[in-house]
Amino acid sequence: MSAPRVWYLVRDFDLGRDFYKRLLGFDETFVDWDDKWSRLEHGSMRIALAEGEPAEGGVAMVDVDDVKRVADKLRDEGVEVGVVLELAGQMRLVDVFDPDGNRIQLAQQIGD
């Protein structure tokens, strides 16, 4: 089974790559310097970044161990972070936004 894939367009390719790698913990597995796009992975989530004008599209869901801790860390880094939601004691979710406004959803399983 293929891992999920989402494409994000970013205005500044290097800034976008840094955000996903340094702040969200993605591993970069491929870079095409000529066409300015890269492939990044975090657990089972695979995304691609390409230089261009951001547009609405898919949303990557990234599993984390502690949504509240990660949200606080990202806020401290100046990242736009939404409100942490808890769904029926089973899952915590929070939306975060990259420098170009692309939405990423962080998820934590909390139920048995």
Protein backbone atom coordinates (compact mmCIF):
# COMPACT_ATOMS: atom_id res chain seq x y z
CA MET A 1 0.00 0.00 0.00
CA SER A 2 1.32 3.43 -0.95
CA ALA A 3 1.75 6.09 1.72
CA PRO A 4 -0.52 9.16 1.59
CA ARG A 5 0.70 12.01 -0.61
CA VAL A 6 -0.03 15.72 -0.53
CA TRP A 7 1.50 18.44 -2.69
CA TYR A 8 2.16 21.89 -1.23
CA LEU A 9 3.28 24.91 -3.23
CA VAL A 10 5.59 27.34 -1.45
CA ARG A 11 6.90 30.73 -2.57
CA ASP A 12 10.36 30.22 -1.06
CA PHE A 13 11.59 26.68 -1.69
CA ASP A 14 14.42 26.78 0.88
CA LEU A 15 12.23 28.32 3.60
CA GLY A 16 9.51 25.74 2.95
CA ARG A 17 11.96 22.84 3.11
CA ASP A 18 13.42 24.19 6.36
CA PHE A 19 9.96 24.54 7.93
CA TYR A 20 8.95 20.94 7.21
CA LYS A 21 12.31 19.43 8.13
CA ARG A 22 13.34 21.50 11.16
CA LEU A 23 10.00 22.37 12.74
CA LEU A 24 7.82 19.40 11.80
CA GLY A 25 10.47 16.68 11.73
CA PHE A 26 10.05 15.51 8.13
CA ASP A 27 12.90 13.63 6.45
CA GLU A 28 13.75 14.81 2.97
CA THR A 29 14.12 11.79 0.67
CA PHE A 30 14.55 13.50 -2.71
CA VAL A 31 15.28 16.96 -4.13
CA ASP A 32 15.06 18.08 -7.76
CA TRP A 33 17.07 21.30 -7.78
CA ASP A 34 16.33 22.07 -11.44
CA ASP A 35 12.53 21.97 -11.10
CA LYS A 36 12.60 23.00 -7.41
CA TRP A 37 10.57 20.27 -5.76
CA SER A 38 11.30 17.82 -2.97
CA ARG A 39 9.77 14.74 -1.38
CA LEU A 40 9.52 14.57 2.42
CA GLU A 41 8.31 11.86 4.80
CA HIS A 42 7.08 11.77 8.40
CA GLY A 43 5.96 8.32 9.49
CA SER A 44 3.48 7.13 6.88
CA MET A 45 2.79 10.64 5.53
CA ARG A 46 4.62 11.60 2.36
CA ILE A 47 4.40 15.12 0.99
CA ALA A 48 5.97 16.96 -1.89
CA LEU A 49 6.96 20.62 -1.88
CA ALA A 50 7.29 22.61 -5.07
CA GLU A 51 8.13 26.23 -5.64
CA GLY A 52 5.09 28.14 -6.87
CA GLU A 53 2.08 30.17 -5.83
CA PRO A 54 0.28 28.41 -2.93
CA ALA A 55 -3.24 27.15 -3.66
CA GLU A 56 -5.83 25.26 -1.65
CA GLY A 57 -5.47 21.53 -1.89
CA GLY A 58 -5.07 18.44 0.21
CA VAL A 59 -4.14 18.51 3.88
CA ALA A 60 -1.39 16.31 5.32
CA MET A 61 -2.26 14.57 8.58
CA VAL A 62 0.86 13.94 10.64
CA ASP A 63 0.88 11.67 13.69
CA VAL A 64 2.71 13.03 16.74
CA ASP A 65 3.19 11.67 20.26
CA ASP A 66 1.90 14.78 22.07
CA VAL A 67 -0.17 17.33 20.12
CA LYS A 68 -0.22 19.88 22.97
CA ARG A 69 3.57 19.80 23.42
CA VAL A 70 4.24 20.08 19.67
CA ALA A 71 1.68 22.90 19.33
CA ASP A 72 3.35 24.85 22.16
CA LYS A 73 6.79 24.33 20.62
CA LEU A 74 5.59 25.55 17.23
CA ARG A 75 3.88 28.60 18.78
CA ASP A 76 7.20 29.43 20.49
CA GLU A 77 8.82 29.31 17.02
CA GLY A 78 6.27 31.83 15.71
CA VAL A 79 4.26 29.29 13.70
CA GLU A 80 0.52 29.90 13.22
CA VAL A 81 -1.19 27.17 15.27
CA GLY A 82 -4.91 26.60 15.73
CA VAL A 83 -6.80 25.38 18.79
CA VAL A 84 -6.16 21.84 20.01
CA LEU A 85 -9.36 19.82 19.71
CA GLU A 86 -10.11 16.58 21.52
CA LEU A 87 -12.53 14.20 19.80
CA ALA A 88 -14.51 11.96 22.16
CA GLY A 89 -11.46 11.09 24.24
CA GLN A 90 -9.98 9.21 21.27
CA MET A 91 -7.89 11.75 19.37
CA ARG A 92 -6.38 15.21 19.63
CA LEU A 93 -6.03 17.36 16.52
CA VAL A 94 -4.55 20.76 15.77
CA ASP A 95 -4.07 22.68 12.54
CA VAL A 96 -0.74 24.35 11.88
CA PHE A 97 0.15 26.53 8.92
CA ASP A 98 3.42 26.78 7.03
CA PRO A 99 4.85 30.21 6.11
CA ASP A 100 2.68 30.24 2.95
CA GLY A 101 -0.56 29.35 4.76
CA ASN A 102 -0.66 25.68 3.73
CA ARG A 103 -2.57 23.71 6.41
CA ILE A 104 -1.10 20.65 8.12
CA GLN A 105 -3.10 18.70 10.69
CA LEU A 106 -1.25 17.15 13.62
CA ALA A 107 -2.96 14.13 15.22
CA GLN A 108 -2.48 12.17 18.43
CA GLN A 109 -4.33 8.96 19.30
CA ILE A 110 -5.31 9.08 23.00
CA GLY A 111 -7.94 6.34 23.33
CA ASP A 112 -7.35 2.67 24.04
